[in-house]
Amino acid sequence: GHGERFAEYFLERPNWRVHPCQHWFSDNKSGKFHCPLGKKVVDFADETQFSRVSMYLKGRIWLEDKTKMWDLVPELMPPTYLIVDRQWKGEIPSDEKHPEKLCWFIKEADRN
């Protein structure tokens, strides 16, 4: 993510250094995650619970919530259909409209 890039820039400052870290948790998809040693809050970390400063970019919801990408540039997005609270939102898909496109991906829009 962006946190690694910000950390590289901060380390160019003369009084900034890398804080020792420890294993925080693991998952099957991304592997091992680390946090500051002793789970202390440090000046900057890409996980907000360990950081004195949060790295939120104004407008980033347009990149993180995939349904917003459809609102922003629908001409660049594949046919997109939404289910919200177990109900179709907007256009309802039908096999008659896109019979050649039988492959579907179902995903939470706010997850990577």
PDB file of N, CA and C in Angstrom:
ATOM      1  N   GLY A   1       0.809  -1.190   0.000  1.00  0.00           N
ATOM      2  CA  GLY A   1       0.000   0.000   0.000  1.00  0.00           C
ATOM      3  C   GLY A   1       0.855   1.259   0.000  1.00  0.00           C
ATOM      4  N   HIS A   2       0.206   2.350   0.256  1.00  0.00           N
ATOM      5  CA  HIS A   2       0.875   3.641   0.268  1.00  0.00           C
ATOM      6  C   HIS A   2       1.755   3.826   1.498  1.00  0.00           C
ATOM      7  N   GLY A   3       1.474   3.103   2.570  1.00  0.00           N
ATOM      8  CA  GLY A   3       2.239   3.264   3.803  1.00  0.00           C
ATOM      9  C   GLY A   3       3.721   3.041   3.626  1.00  0.00           C
ATOM     10  N   GLU A   4       4.084   2.046   2.852  1.00  0.00           N
ATOM     11  CA  GLU A   4       5.501   1.753   2.615  1.00  0.00           C
ATOM     12  C   GLU A   4       6.191   2.933   1.924  1.00  0.00           C
ATOM     13  N   ARG A   5       5.511   3.523   0.942  1.00  0.00           N
ATOM     14  CA  ARG A   5       6.090   4.669   0.233  1.00  0.00           C
ATOM     15  C   ARG A   5       6.264   5.859   1.177  1.00  0.00           C
ATOM     16  N   PHE A   6       5.251   6.148   2.004  1.00  0.00           N
ATOM     17  CA  PHE A   6       5.362   7.248   2.957  1.00  0.00           C
ATOM     18  C   PHE A   6       6.505   6.994   3.931  1.00  0.00           C
ATOM     19  N   ALA A   7       6.633   5.757   4.398  1.00  0.00           N
ATOM     20  CA  ALA A   7       7.709   5.425   5.337  1.00  0.00           C
ATOM     21  C   ALA A   7       9.075   5.680   4.705  1.00  0.00           C
ATOM     22  N   GLU A   8       9.240   5.325   3.441  1.00  0.00           N
ATOM     23  CA  GLU A   8      10.519   5.577   2.753  1.00  0.00           C
ATOM     24  C   GLU A   8      10.837   7.072   2.731  1.00  0.00           C
ATOM     25  N   TYR A   9       9.844   7.892   2.459  1.00  0.00           N
ATOM     26  CA  TYR A   9      10.069   9.340   2.435  1.00  0.00           C
ATOM     27  C   TYR A   9      10.409   9.873   3.825  1.00  0.00           C
ATOM     28  N   PHE A  10       9.693   9.388   4.838  1.00  0.00           N
ATOM     29  CA  PHE A  10       9.962   9.854   6.203  1.00  0.00           C
ATOM     30  C   PHE A  10      11.376   9.488   6.646  1.00  0.00           C
ATOM     31  N   LEU A  11      11.860   8.334   6.198  1.00  0.00           N
ATOM     32  CA  LEU A  11      13.205   7.911   6.594  1.00  0.00           C
ATOM     33  C   LEU A  11      14.298   8.767   5.965  1.00  0.00           C
ATOM     34  N   GLU A  12      13.954   9.602   4.999  1.00  0.00           N
ATOM     35  CA  GLU A  12      14.923  10.551   4.449  1.00  0.00           C
ATOM     36  C   GLU A  12      15.167  11.717   5.414  1.00  0.00           C
ATOM     37  N   ARG A  13      14.285  11.875   6.390  1.00  0.00           N
ATOM     38  CA  ARG A  13      14.461  12.931   7.382  1.00  0.00           C
ATOM     39  C   ARG A  13      15.572  12.514   8.348  1.00  0.00           C
ATOM     40  N   PRO A  14      16.387  13.465   8.786  1.00  0.00           N
ATOM     41  CA  PRO A  14      17.565  13.109   9.587  1.00  0.00           C
ATOM     42  C   PRO A  14      17.255  12.468  10.945  1.00  0.00           C
ATOM     43  N   ASN A  15      16.150  12.783  11.584  1.00  0.00           N
ATOM     44  CA  ASN A  15      15.879  12.267  12.929  1.00  0.00           C
ATOM     45  C   ASN A  15      14.884  11.107  12.949  1.00  0.00           C
ATOM     46  N   TRP A  16      14.534  10.565  11.803  1.00  0.00           N
ATOM     47  CA  TRP A  16      13.585   9.454  11.752  1.00  0.00           C
ATOM     48  C   TRP A  16      14.351   8.146  11.603  1.00  0.00           C
ATOM     49  N   ARG A  17      13.849   7.104  12.256  1.00  0.00           N
ATOM     50  CA  ARG A  17      14.481   5.790  12.172  1.00  0.00           C
ATOM     51  C   ARG A  17      13.402   4.714  12.193  1.00  0.00           C
ATOM     52  N   VAL A  18      13.787   3.515  11.830  1.00  0.00           N
ATOM     53  CA  VAL A  18      12.869   2.382  11.857  1.00  0.00           C
ATOM     54  C   VAL A  18      12.770   1.887  13.290  1.00  0.00           C
ATOM     55  N   HIS A  19      11.547   1.732  13.775  1.00  0.00           N
ATOM     56  CA  HIS A  19      11.315   1.206  15.117  1.00  0.00           C
ATOM     57  C   HIS A  19      11.343  -0.324  15.041  1.00  0.00           C
ATOM     58  N   PRO A  20      11.921  -0.997  16.022  1.00  0.00           N
ATOM     59  CA  PRO A  20      11.896  -2.474  15.999  1.00  0.00           C
ATOM     60  C   PRO A  20      10.449  -2.986  15.935  1.00  0.00           C
ATOM     61  N   CYS A  21      10.267  -4.124  15.280  1.00  0.00           N
ATOM     62  CA  CYS A  21       8.910  -4.647  15.132  1.00  0.00           C
ATOM     63  C   CYS A  21       8.819  -6.091  15.624  1.00  0.00           C
ATOM     64  N   GLN A  22       7.596  -6.560  15.711  1.00  0.00           N
ATOM     65  CA  GLN A  22       7.330  -7.943  16.125  1.00  0.00           C
ATOM     66  C   GLN A  22       6.201  -8.503  15.273  1.00  0.00           C
ATOM     67  N   HIS A  23       6.071  -9.823  15.277  1.00  0.00           N
ATOM     68  CA  HIS A  23       4.981 -10.482  14.570  1.00  0.00           C
ATOM     69  C   HIS A  23       3.664 -10.053  15.205  1.00  0.00           C
ATOM     70  N   TRP A  24       2.701  -9.672  14.376  1.00  0.00           N
ATOM     71  CA  TRP A  24       1.397  -9.249  14.864  1.00  0.00           C
ATOM     72  C   TRP A  24       0.377 -10.355  14.621  1.00  0.00           C
ATOM     73  N   PHE A  25       0.217 -10.762  13.349  1.00  0.00           N
ATOM     74  CA  PHE A  25      -0.646 -11.886  13.016  1.00  0.00           C
ATOM     75  C   PHE A  25      -0.308 -12.370  11.609  1.00  0.00           C
ATOM     76  N   SER A  26      -0.870 -13.501  11.233  1.00  0.00           N
ATOM     77  CA  SER A  26      -0.661 -14.072   9.903  1.00  0.00           C
ATOM     78  C   SER A  26      -2.003 -14.408   9.283  1.00  0.00           C
ATOM     79  N   ASP A  27      -2.044 -14.401   7.965  1.00  0.00           N
ATOM     80  CA  ASP A  27      -3.204 -14.930   7.264  1.00  0.00           C
ATOM     81  C   ASP A  27      -2.712 -15.719   6.052  1.00  0.00           C
ATOM     82  N   ASN A  28      -3.578 -16.517   5.505  1.00  0.00           N
ATOM     83  CA  ASN A  28      -3.192 -17.392   4.394  1.00  0.00           C
ATOM     84  C   ASN A  28      -2.939 -16.634   3.100  1.00  0.00           C
ATOM     85  N   LYS A  29      -3.577 -15.491   2.926  1.00  0.00           N
ATOM     86  CA  LYS A  29      -3.472 -14.753   1.664  1.00  0.00           C
ATOM     87  C   LYS A  29      -2.204 -13.913   1.601  1.00  0.00           C
ATOM     88  N   SER A  30      -1.963 -13.103   2.621  1.00  0.00           N
ATOM     89  CA  SER A  30      -0.856 -12.139   2.566  1.00  0.00           C
ATOM     90  C   SER A  30       0.354 -12.538   3.394  1.00  0.00           C
ATOM     91  N   GLY A  31       0.207 -13.529   4.228  1.00  0.00           N
ATOM     92  CA  GLY A  31       1.348 -13.977   5.027  1.00  0.00           C
ATOM     93  C   GLY A  31       1.412 -13.331   6.394  1.00  0.00           C
ATOM     94  N   LYS A  32       2.608 -12.891   6.754  1.00  0.00           N
ATOM     95  CA  LYS A  32       2.884 -12.396   8.093  1.00  0.00           C
ATOM     96  C   LYS A  32       2.760 -10.869   8.148  1.00  0.00           C
ATOM     97  N   PHE A  33       2.139 -10.380   9.205  1.00  0.00           N
ATOM     98  CA  PHE A  33       2.019  -8.939   9.434  1.00  0.00           C
ATOM     99  C   PHE A  33       2.785  -8.580  10.697  1.00  0.00           C
ATOM    100  N   HIS A  34       3.365  -7.387  10.691  1.00  0.00           N
ATOM    101  CA  HIS A  34       4.175  -6.936  11.820  1.00  0.00           C
ATOM    102  C   HIS A  34       3.604  -5.658  12.414  1.00  0.00           C
ATOM    103  N   CYS A  35       3.974  -5.396  13.659  1.00  0.00           N
ATOM    104  CA  CYS A  35       3.588  -4.167  14.345  1.00  0.00           C
ATOM    105  C   CYS A  35       4.795  -3.690  15.149  1.00  0.00           C
ATOM    106  N   PRO A  36       4.761  -2.439  15.644  1.00  0.00           N
ATOM    107  CA  PRO A  36       5.885  -1.966  16.449  1.00  0.00           C
ATOM    108  C   PRO A  36       6.097  -2.861  17.687  1.00  0.00           C
ATOM    109  N   LEU A  37       7.354  -3.050  18.057  1.00  0.00           N
ATOM    110  CA  LEU A  37       7.698  -3.872  19.216  1.00  0.00           C
ATOM    111  C   LEU A  37       6.922  -3.393  20.437  1.00  0.00           C
ATOM    112  N   GLY A  38       6.310  -4.321  21.136  1.00  0.00           N
ATOM    113  CA  GLY A  38       5.499  -3.991  22.298  1.00  0.00           C
ATOM    114  C   GLY A  38       4.159  -3.390  21.931  1.00  0.00           C
ATOM    115  N   LYS A  39       3.800  -3.437  20.649  1.00  0.00           N
ATOM    116  CA  LYS A  39       2.560  -2.854  20.128  1.00  0.00           C
ATOM    117  C   LYS A  39       2.419  -1.396  20.535  1.00  0.00           C
ATOM    118  N   LYS A  40       3.563  -0.704  20.585  1.00  0.00           N
ATOM    119  CA  LYS A  40       3.573   0.707  20.965  1.00  0.00           C
ATOM    120  C   LYS A  40       3.105   1.579  19.812  1.00  0.00           C
ATOM    121  N   VAL A  41       2.603   2.761  20.162  1.00  0.00           N
ATOM    122  CA  VAL A  41       2.250   3.755  19.156  1.00  0.00           C
ATOM    123  C   VAL A  41       3.530   4.483  18.769  1.00  0.00           C
ATOM    124  N   VAL A  42       3.781   4.587  17.462  1.00  0.00           N
ATOM    125  CA  VAL A  42       4.978   5.258  16.949  1.00  0.00           C
ATOM    126  C   VAL A  42       4.545   6.488  16.143  1.00  0.00           C
ATOM    127  N   ASP A  43       5.507   7.285  15.707  1.00  0.00           N
ATOM    128  CA  ASP A  43       5.177   8.494  14.957  1.00  0.00           C
ATOM    129  C   ASP A  43       4.389   8.193  13.687  1.00  0.00           C
ATOM    130  N   PHE A  44       4.799   7.150  12.944  1.00  0.00           N
ATOM    131  CA  PHE A  44       4.073   6.794  11.732  1.00  0.00           C
ATOM    132  C   PHE A  44       4.106   5.292  11.520  1.00  0.00           C
ATOM    133  N   ALA A  45       2.939   4.720  11.261  1.00  0.00           N
ATOM    134  CA  ALA A  45       2.798   3.314  10.864  1.00  0.00           C
ATOM    135  C   ALA A  45       1.631   3.245   9.891  1.00  0.00           C
ATOM    136  N   ASP A  46       1.645   2.279   8.988  1.00  0.00           N
ATOM    137  CA  ASP A  46       0.539   2.194   8.038  1.00  0.00           C
ATOM    138  C   ASP A  46      -0.705   1.553   8.646  1.00  0.00           C
ATOM    139  N   GLU A  47      -0.615   1.110   9.876  1.00  0.00           N
ATOM    140  CA  GLU A  47      -1.780   0.630  10.624  1.00  0.00           C
ATOM    141  C   GLU A  47      -2.122   1.704  11.650  1.00  0.00           C
ATOM    142  N   THR A  48      -3.299   2.302  11.520  1.00  0.00           N
ATOM    143  CA  THR A  48      -3.634   3.487  12.319  1.00  0.00           C
ATOM    144  C   THR A  48      -3.613   3.245  13.829  1.00  0.00           C
ATOM    145  N   GLN A  49      -3.884   2.025  14.282  1.00  0.00           N
ATOM    146  CA  GLN A  49      -3.894   1.805  15.727  1.00  0.00           C
ATOM    147  C   GLN A  49      -2.508   1.900  16.356  1.00  0.00           C
ATOM    148  N   PHE A  50      -1.450   1.875  15.537  1.00  0.00           N
ATOM    149  CA  PHE A  50      -0.084   1.995  16.054  1.00  0.00           C
ATOM    150  C   PHE A  50       0.580   3.315  15.645  1.00  0.00           C
ATOM    151  N   SER A  51      -0.192   4.233  15.083  1.00  0.00           N
ATOM    152  CA  SER A  51       0.392   5.438  14.505  1.00  0.00           C
ATOM    153  C   SER A  51      -0.150   6.712  15.141  1.00  0.00           C
ATOM    154  N   ARG A  52       0.743   7.661  15.439  1.00  0.00           N
ATOM    155  CA  ARG A  52       0.299   8.966  15.926  1.00  0.00           C
ATOM    156  C   ARG A  52      -0.338   9.775  14.806  1.00  0.00           C
ATOM    157  N   VAL A  53       0.036   9.478  13.564  1.00  0.00           N
ATOM    158  CA  VAL A  53      -0.469  10.188  12.391  1.00  0.00           C
ATOM    159  C   VAL A  53      -1.177   9.183  11.491  1.00  0.00           C
ATOM    160  N   SER A  54      -2.348   9.550  10.989  1.00  0.00           N
ATOM    161  CA  SER A  54      -3.059   8.693  10.050  1.00  0.00           C
ATOM    162  C   SER A  54      -2.787   9.162   8.631  1.00  0.00           C
ATOM    163  N   MET A  55      -2.732   8.227   7.705  1.00  0.00           N
ATOM    164  CA  MET A  55      -2.417   8.577   6.325  1.00  0.00           C
ATOM    165  C   MET A  55      -3.645   8.405   5.433  1.00  0.00           C
ATOM    166  N   TYR A  56      -4.578   9.276   5.602  1.00  0.00           N
ATOM    167  CA  TYR A  56      -5.752   9.234   4.756  1.00  0.00           C
ATOM    168  C   TYR A  56      -5.638  10.290   3.675  1.00  0.00           C
ATOM    169  N   LEU A  57      -5.841   9.889   2.454  1.00  0.00           N
ATOM    170  CA  LEU A  57      -5.784  10.805   1.325  1.00  0.00           C
ATOM    171  C   LEU A  57      -7.192  11.284   1.019  1.00  0.00           C
ATOM    172  N   LYS A  58      -7.363  12.590   0.885  1.00  0.00           N
ATOM    173  CA  LYS A  58      -8.667  13.144   0.568  1.00  0.00           C
ATOM    174  C   LYS A  58      -9.150  12.542  -0.753  1.00  0.00           C
ATOM    175  N   GLY A  59     -10.366  12.031  -0.735  1.00  0.00           N
ATOM    176  CA  GLY A  59     -10.938  11.452  -1.941  1.00  0.00           C
ATOM    177  C   GLY A  59     -10.579  10.004  -2.178  1.00  0.00           C
ATOM    178  N   ARG A  60      -9.833   9.371  -1.269  1.00  0.00           N
ATOM    179  CA  ARG A  60      -9.382   8.005  -1.535  1.00  0.00           C
ATOM    180  C   ARG A  60     -10.518   6.996  -1.562  1.00  0.00           C
ATOM    181  N   ILE A  61     -11.674   7.349  -1.000  1.00  0.00           N
ATOM    182  CA  ILE A  61     -12.803   6.421  -1.042  1.00  0.00           C
ATOM    183  C   ILE A  61     -13.159   6.078  -2.491  1.00  0.00           C
ATOM    184  N   TRP A  62     -12.868   7.004  -3.423  1.00  0.00           N
ATOM    185  CA  TRP A  62     -13.163   6.748  -4.834  1.00  0.00           C
ATOM    186  C   TRP A  62     -12.286   5.632  -5.384  1.00  0.00           C
ATOM    187  N   LEU A  63     -11.170   5.356  -4.745  1.00  0.00           N
ATOM    188  CA  LEU A  63     -10.293   4.272  -5.179  1.00  0.00           C
ATOM    189  C   LEU A  63     -10.532   2.999  -4.391  1.00  0.00           C
ATOM    190  N   GLU A  64     -10.960   3.122  -3.136  1.00  0.00           N
ATOM    191  CA  GLU A  64     -11.095   1.963  -2.270  1.00  0.00           C
ATOM    192  C   GLU A  64     -12.437   1.268  -2.402  1.00  0.00           C
ATOM    193  N   ASP A  65     -13.504   2.011  -2.606  1.00  0.00           N
ATOM    194  CA  ASP A  65     -14.828   1.421  -2.754  1.00  0.00           C
ATOM    195  C   ASP A  65     -15.079   1.212  -4.244  1.00  0.00           C
ATOM    196  N   LYS A  66     -15.036  -0.044  -4.677  1.00  0.00           N
ATOM    197  CA  LYS A  66     -15.109  -0.346  -6.112  1.00  0.00           C
ATOM    198  C   LYS A  66     -16.407   0.129  -6.746  1.00  0.00           C
ATOM    199  N   THR A  67     -17.497   0.265  -5.979  1.00  0.00           N
ATOM    200  CA  THR A  67     -18.737   0.760  -6.568  1.00  0.00           C
ATOM    201  C   THR A  67     -18.601   2.226  -6.951  1.00  0.00           C
ATOM    202  N   LYS A  68     -17.750   2.960  -6.266  1.00  0.00           N
ATOM    203  CA  LYS A  68     -17.536   4.369  -6.603  1.00  0.00           C
ATOM    204  C   LYS A  68     -16.750   4.504  -7.909  1.00  0.00           C
ATOM    205  N   MET A  69     -15.887   3.541  -8.205  1.00  0.00           N
ATOM    206  CA  MET A  69     -15.174   3.562  -9.492  1.00  0.00           C
ATOM    207  C   MET A  69     -16.182   3.478 -10.637  1.00  0.00           C
ATOM    208  N   TRP A  70     -17.225   2.690 -10.450  1.00  0.00           N
ATOM    209  CA  TRP A  70     -18.275   2.583 -11.470  1.00  0.00           C
ATOM    210  C   TRP A  70     -18.951   3.939 -11.657  1.00  0.00           C
ATOM    211  N   ASP A  71     -19.182   4.677 -10.575  1.00  0.00           N
ATOM    212  CA  ASP A  71     -19.789   6.011 -10.676  1.00  0.00           C
ATOM    213  C   ASP A  71     -18.849   6.994 -11.370  1.00  0.00           C
ATOM    214  N   LEU A  72     -17.559   6.879 -11.111  1.00  0.00           N
ATOM    215  CA  LEU A  72     -16.571   7.824 -11.613  1.00  0.00           C
ATOM    216  C   LEU A  72     -16.261   7.614 -13.095  1.00  0.00           C
ATOM    217  N   VAL A  73     -15.990   6.379 -13.487  1.00  0.00           N
ATOM    218  CA  VAL A  73     -15.607   6.084 -14.879  1.00  0.00           C
ATOM    219  C   VAL A  73     -16.299   4.810 -15.369  1.00  0.00           C
ATOM    220  N   PRO A  74     -17.618   4.860 -15.534  1.00  0.00           N
ATOM    221  CA  PRO A  74     -18.326   3.637 -15.947  1.00  0.00           C
ATOM    222  C   PRO A  74     -17.863   3.110 -17.297  1.00  0.00           C
ATOM    223  N   GLU A  75     -17.372   3.999 -18.164  1.00  0.00           N
ATOM    224  CA  GLU A  75     -16.925   3.543 -19.484  1.00  0.00           C
ATOM    225  C   GLU A  75     -15.671   2.680 -19.410  1.00  0.00           C
ATOM    226  N   LEU A  76     -14.948   2.732 -18.298  1.00  0.00           N
ATOM    227  CA  LEU A  76     -13.740   1.921 -18.136  1.00  0.00           C
ATOM    228  C   LEU A  76     -13.987   0.643 -17.331  1.00  0.00           C
ATOM    229  N   MET A  77     -15.174   0.512 -16.791  1.00  0.00           N
ATOM    230  CA  MET A  77     -15.480  -0.620 -15.916  1.00  0.00           C
ATOM    231  C   MET A  77     -16.264  -1.693 -16.674  1.00  0.00           C
ATOM    232  N   PRO A  78     -16.086  -2.946 -16.286  1.00  0.00           N
ATOM    233  CA  PRO A  78     -16.908  -4.009 -16.884  1.00  0.00           C
ATOM    234  C   PRO A  78     -18.346  -3.869 -16.383  1.00  0.00           C
ATOM    235  N   PRO A  79     -19.296  -4.567 -17.024  1.00  0.00           N
ATOM    236  CA  PRO A  79     -20.673  -4.515 -16.512  1.00  0.00           C
ATOM    237  C   PRO A  79     -20.665  -4.833 -15.012  1.00  0.00           C
ATOM    238  N   THR A  80     -21.304  -3.972 -14.243  1.00  0.00           N
ATOM    239  CA  THR A  80     -21.255  -4.082 -12.786  1.00  0.00           C
ATOM    240  C   THR A  80     -22.669  -4.086 -12.231  1.00  0.00           C
ATOM    241  N   TYR A  81     -22.946  -5.038 -11.341  1.00  0.00           N
ATOM    242  CA  TYR A  81     -24.260  -5.155 -10.726  1.00  0.00           C
ATOM    243  C   TYR A  81     -24.048  -5.227  -9.223  1.00  0.00           C
ATOM    244  N   LEU A  82     -24.893  -4.541  -8.486  1.00  0.00           N
ATOM    245  CA  LEU A  82     -24.705  -4.437  -7.042  1.00  0.00           C
ATOM    246  C   LEU A  82     -25.840  -5.093  -6.272  1.00  0.00           C
ATOM    247  N   ILE A  83     -25.455  -5.694  -5.157  1.00  0.00           N
ATOM    248  CA  ILE A  83     -26.430  -6.210  -4.197  1.00  0.00           C
ATOM    249  C   ILE A  83     -26.148  -5.489  -2.888  1.00  0.00           C
ATOM    250  N   VAL A  84     -27.157  -4.817  -2.351  1.00  0.00           N
ATOM    251  CA  VAL A  84     -27.031  -4.106  -1.087  1.00  0.00           C
ATOM    252  C   VAL A  84     -28.166  -4.590  -0.189  1.00  0.00           C
ATOM    253  N   ASP A  85     -27.819  -5.043   0.998  1.00  0.00           N
ATOM    254  CA  ASP A  85     -28.812  -5.579   1.937  1.00  0.00           C
ATOM    255  C   ASP A  85     -29.689  -6.647   1.281  1.00  0.00           C
ATOM    256  N   ARG A  86     -29.032  -7.546   0.538  1.00  0.00           N
ATOM    257  CA  ARG A  86     -29.672  -8.690  -0.113  1.00  0.00           C
ATOM    258  C   ARG A  86     -30.667  -8.312  -1.213  1.00  0.00           C
ATOM    259  N   GLN A  87     -30.580  -7.086  -1.712  1.00  0.00           N
ATOM    260  CA  GLN A  87     -31.457  -6.621  -2.784  1.00  0.00           C
ATOM    261  C   GLN A  87     -30.604  -6.055  -3.913  1.00  0.00           C
ATOM    262  N   TRP A  88     -31.036  -6.274  -5.157  1.00  0.00           N
ATOM    263  CA  TRP A  88     -30.335  -5.657  -6.279  1.00  0.00           C
ATOM    264  C   TRP A  88     -30.463  -4.157  -6.168  1.00  0.00           C
ATOM    265  N   LYS A  89     -29.379  -3.446  -6.437  1.00  0.00           N
ATOM    266  CA  LYS A  89     -29.390  -1.979  -6.458  1.00  0.00           C
ATOM    267  C   LYS A  89     -29.130  -1.555  -7.896  1.00  0.00           C
ATOM    268  N   GLY A  90     -30.058  -0.794  -8.464  1.00  0.00           N
ATOM    269  CA  GLY A  90     -29.893  -0.379  -9.853  1.00  0.00           C
ATOM    270  C   GLY A  90     -30.301  -1.487 -10.799  1.00  0.00           C
ATOM    271  N   GLU A  91     -29.568  -1.594 -11.894  1.00  0.00           N
ATOM    272  CA  GLU A  91     -29.893  -2.561 -12.937  1.00  0.00           C
ATOM    273  C   GLU A  91     -29.761  -4.000 -12.434  1.00  0.00           C
ATOM    274  N   ILE A  92     -30.721  -4.824 -12.809  1.00  0.00           N
ATOM    275  CA  ILE A  92     -30.696  -6.242 -12.450  1.00  0.00           C
ATOM    276  C   ILE A  92     -30.158  -7.010 -13.652  1.00  0.00           C
ATOM    277  N   PRO A  93     -29.140  -7.845 -13.454  1.00  0.00           N
ATOM    278  CA  PRO A  93     -28.557  -8.569 -14.596  1.00  0.00           C
ATOM    279  C   PRO A  93     -29.495  -9.638 -15.129  1.00  0.00           C
ATOM    280  N   SER A  94     -29.343  -9.910 -16.413  1.00  0.00           N
ATOM    281  CA  SER A  94     -30.088 -11.026 -16.997  1.00  0.00           C
ATOM    282  C   SER A  94     -29.190 -11.708 -18.018  1.00  0.00           C
ATOM    283  N   ASP A  95     -29.347 -13.006 -18.152  1.00  0.00           N
ATOM    284  CA  ASP A  95     -28.565 -13.757 -19.135  1.00  0.00           C
ATOM    285  C   ASP A  95     -28.910 -13.318 -20.557  1.00  0.00           C
ATOM    286  N   GLU A  96     -30.116 -12.781 -20.744  1.00  0.00           N
ATOM    287  CA  GLU A  96     -30.530 -12.353 -22.070  1.00  0.00           C
ATOM    288  C   GLU A  96     -29.754 -11.118 -22.523  1.00  0.00           C
ATOM    289  N   LYS A  97     -29.374 -10.257 -21.587  1.00  0.00           N
ATOM    290  CA  LYS A  97     -28.678  -9.024 -21.945  1.00  0.00           C
ATOM    291  C   LYS A  97     -27.217  -9.283 -22.313  1.00  0.00           C
ATOM    292  N   HIS A  98     -26.548 -10.178 -21.581  1.00  0.00           N
ATOM    293  CA  HIS A  98     -25.132 -10.489 -21.821  1.00  0.00           C
ATOM    294  C   HIS A  98     -24.924 -12.011 -21.849  1.00  0.00           C
ATOM    295  N   PRO A  99     -25.514 -12.722 -22.824  1.00  0.00           N
ATOM    296  CA  PRO A  99     -25.379 -14.184 -22.807  1.00  0.00           C
ATOM    297  C   PRO A  99     -23.946 -14.660 -22.989  1.00  0.00           C
ATOM    298  N   GLU A 100     -23.102 -13.846 -23.627  1.00  0.00           N
ATOM    299  CA  GLU A 100     -21.710 -14.240 -23.851  1.00  0.00           C
ATOM    300  C   GLU A 100     -20.844 -14.051 -22.608  1.00  0.00           C
ATOM    301  N   LYS A 101     -21.353 -13.401 -21.584  1.00  0.00           N
ATOM    302  CA  LYS A 101     -20.563 -13.103 -20.381  1.00  0.00           C
ATOM    303  C   LYS A 101     -21.135 -13.888 -19.203  1.00  0.00           C
ATOM    304  N   LEU A 102     -20.769 -15.142 -19.134  1.00  0.00           N
ATOM    305  CA  LEU A 102     -21.311 -15.990 -18.084  1.00  0.00           C
ATOM    306  C   LEU A 102     -20.426 -16.046 -16.850  1.00  0.00           C
ATOM    307  N   CYS A 103     -19.230 -15.474 -16.916  1.00  0.00           N
ATOM    308  CA  CYS A 103     -18.335 -15.483 -15.767  1.00  0.00           C
ATOM    309  C   CYS A 103     -18.684 -14.331 -14.835  1.00  0.00           C
ATOM    310  N   TRP A 104     -18.898 -14.636 -13.565  1.00  0.00           N
ATOM    311  CA  TRP A 104     -19.273 -13.619 -12.584  1.00  0.00           C
ATOM    312  C   TRP A 104     -18.285 -13.619 -11.443  1.00  0.00           C
ATOM    313  N   PHE A 105     -17.998 -12.461 -10.954  1.00  0.00           N
ATOM    314  CA  PHE A 105     -17.174 -12.321  -9.757  1.00  0.00           C
ATOM    315  C   PHE A 105     -18.026 -11.648  -8.700  1.00  0.00           C
ATOM    316  N   ILE A 106     -18.050 -12.229  -7.523  1.00  0.00           N
ATOM    317  CA  ILE A 106     -18.808 -11.657  -6.417  1.00  0.00           C
ATOM    318  C   ILE A 106     -17.811 -11.274  -5.358  1.00  0.00           C
ATOM    319  N   LYS A 107     -17.891 -10.029  -4.914  1.00  0.00           N
ATOM    320  CA  LYS A 107     -16.889  -9.531  -3.984  1.00  0.00           C
ATOM    321  C   LYS A 107     -17.455  -8.379  -3.187  1.00  0.00           C
ATOM    322  N   GLU A 108     -16.997  -8.245  -1.949  1.00  0.00           N
ATOM    323  CA  GLU A 108     -17.366  -7.063  -1.182  1.00  0.00           C
ATOM    324  C   GLU A 108     -16.621  -5.877  -1.806  1.00  0.00           C
ATOM    325  N   ALA A 109     -17.324  -4.809  -2.062  1.00  0.00           N
ATOM    326  CA  ALA A 109     -16.767  -3.679  -2.798  1.00  0.00           C
ATOM    327  C   ALA A 109     -15.697  -2.924  -2.016  1.00  0.00           C
ATOM    328  N   ASP A 110     -15.711  -3.026  -0.697  1.00  0.00           N
ATOM    329  CA  ASP A 110     -14.730  -2.264   0.094  1.00  0.00           C
ATOM    330  C   ASP A 110     -13.567  -3.125   0.550  1.00  0.00           C
ATOM    331  N   ARG A 111     -13.360  -4.257  -0.092  1.00  0.00           N
ATOM    332  CA  ARG A 111     -12.248  -5.140   0.221  1.00  0.00           C
ATOM    333  C   ARG A 111     -11.327  -5.248  -0.995  1.00  0.00           C
ATOM    334  N   ASN A 112     -10.058  -5.562  -0.748  1.00  0.00           N
ATOM    335  CA  ASN A 112      -9.127  -5.717  -1.873  1.00  0.00           C
ATOM    336  C   ASN A 112      -9.164  -7.107  -2.444  1.00  0.00           C
TER     337      ASN A 112
END
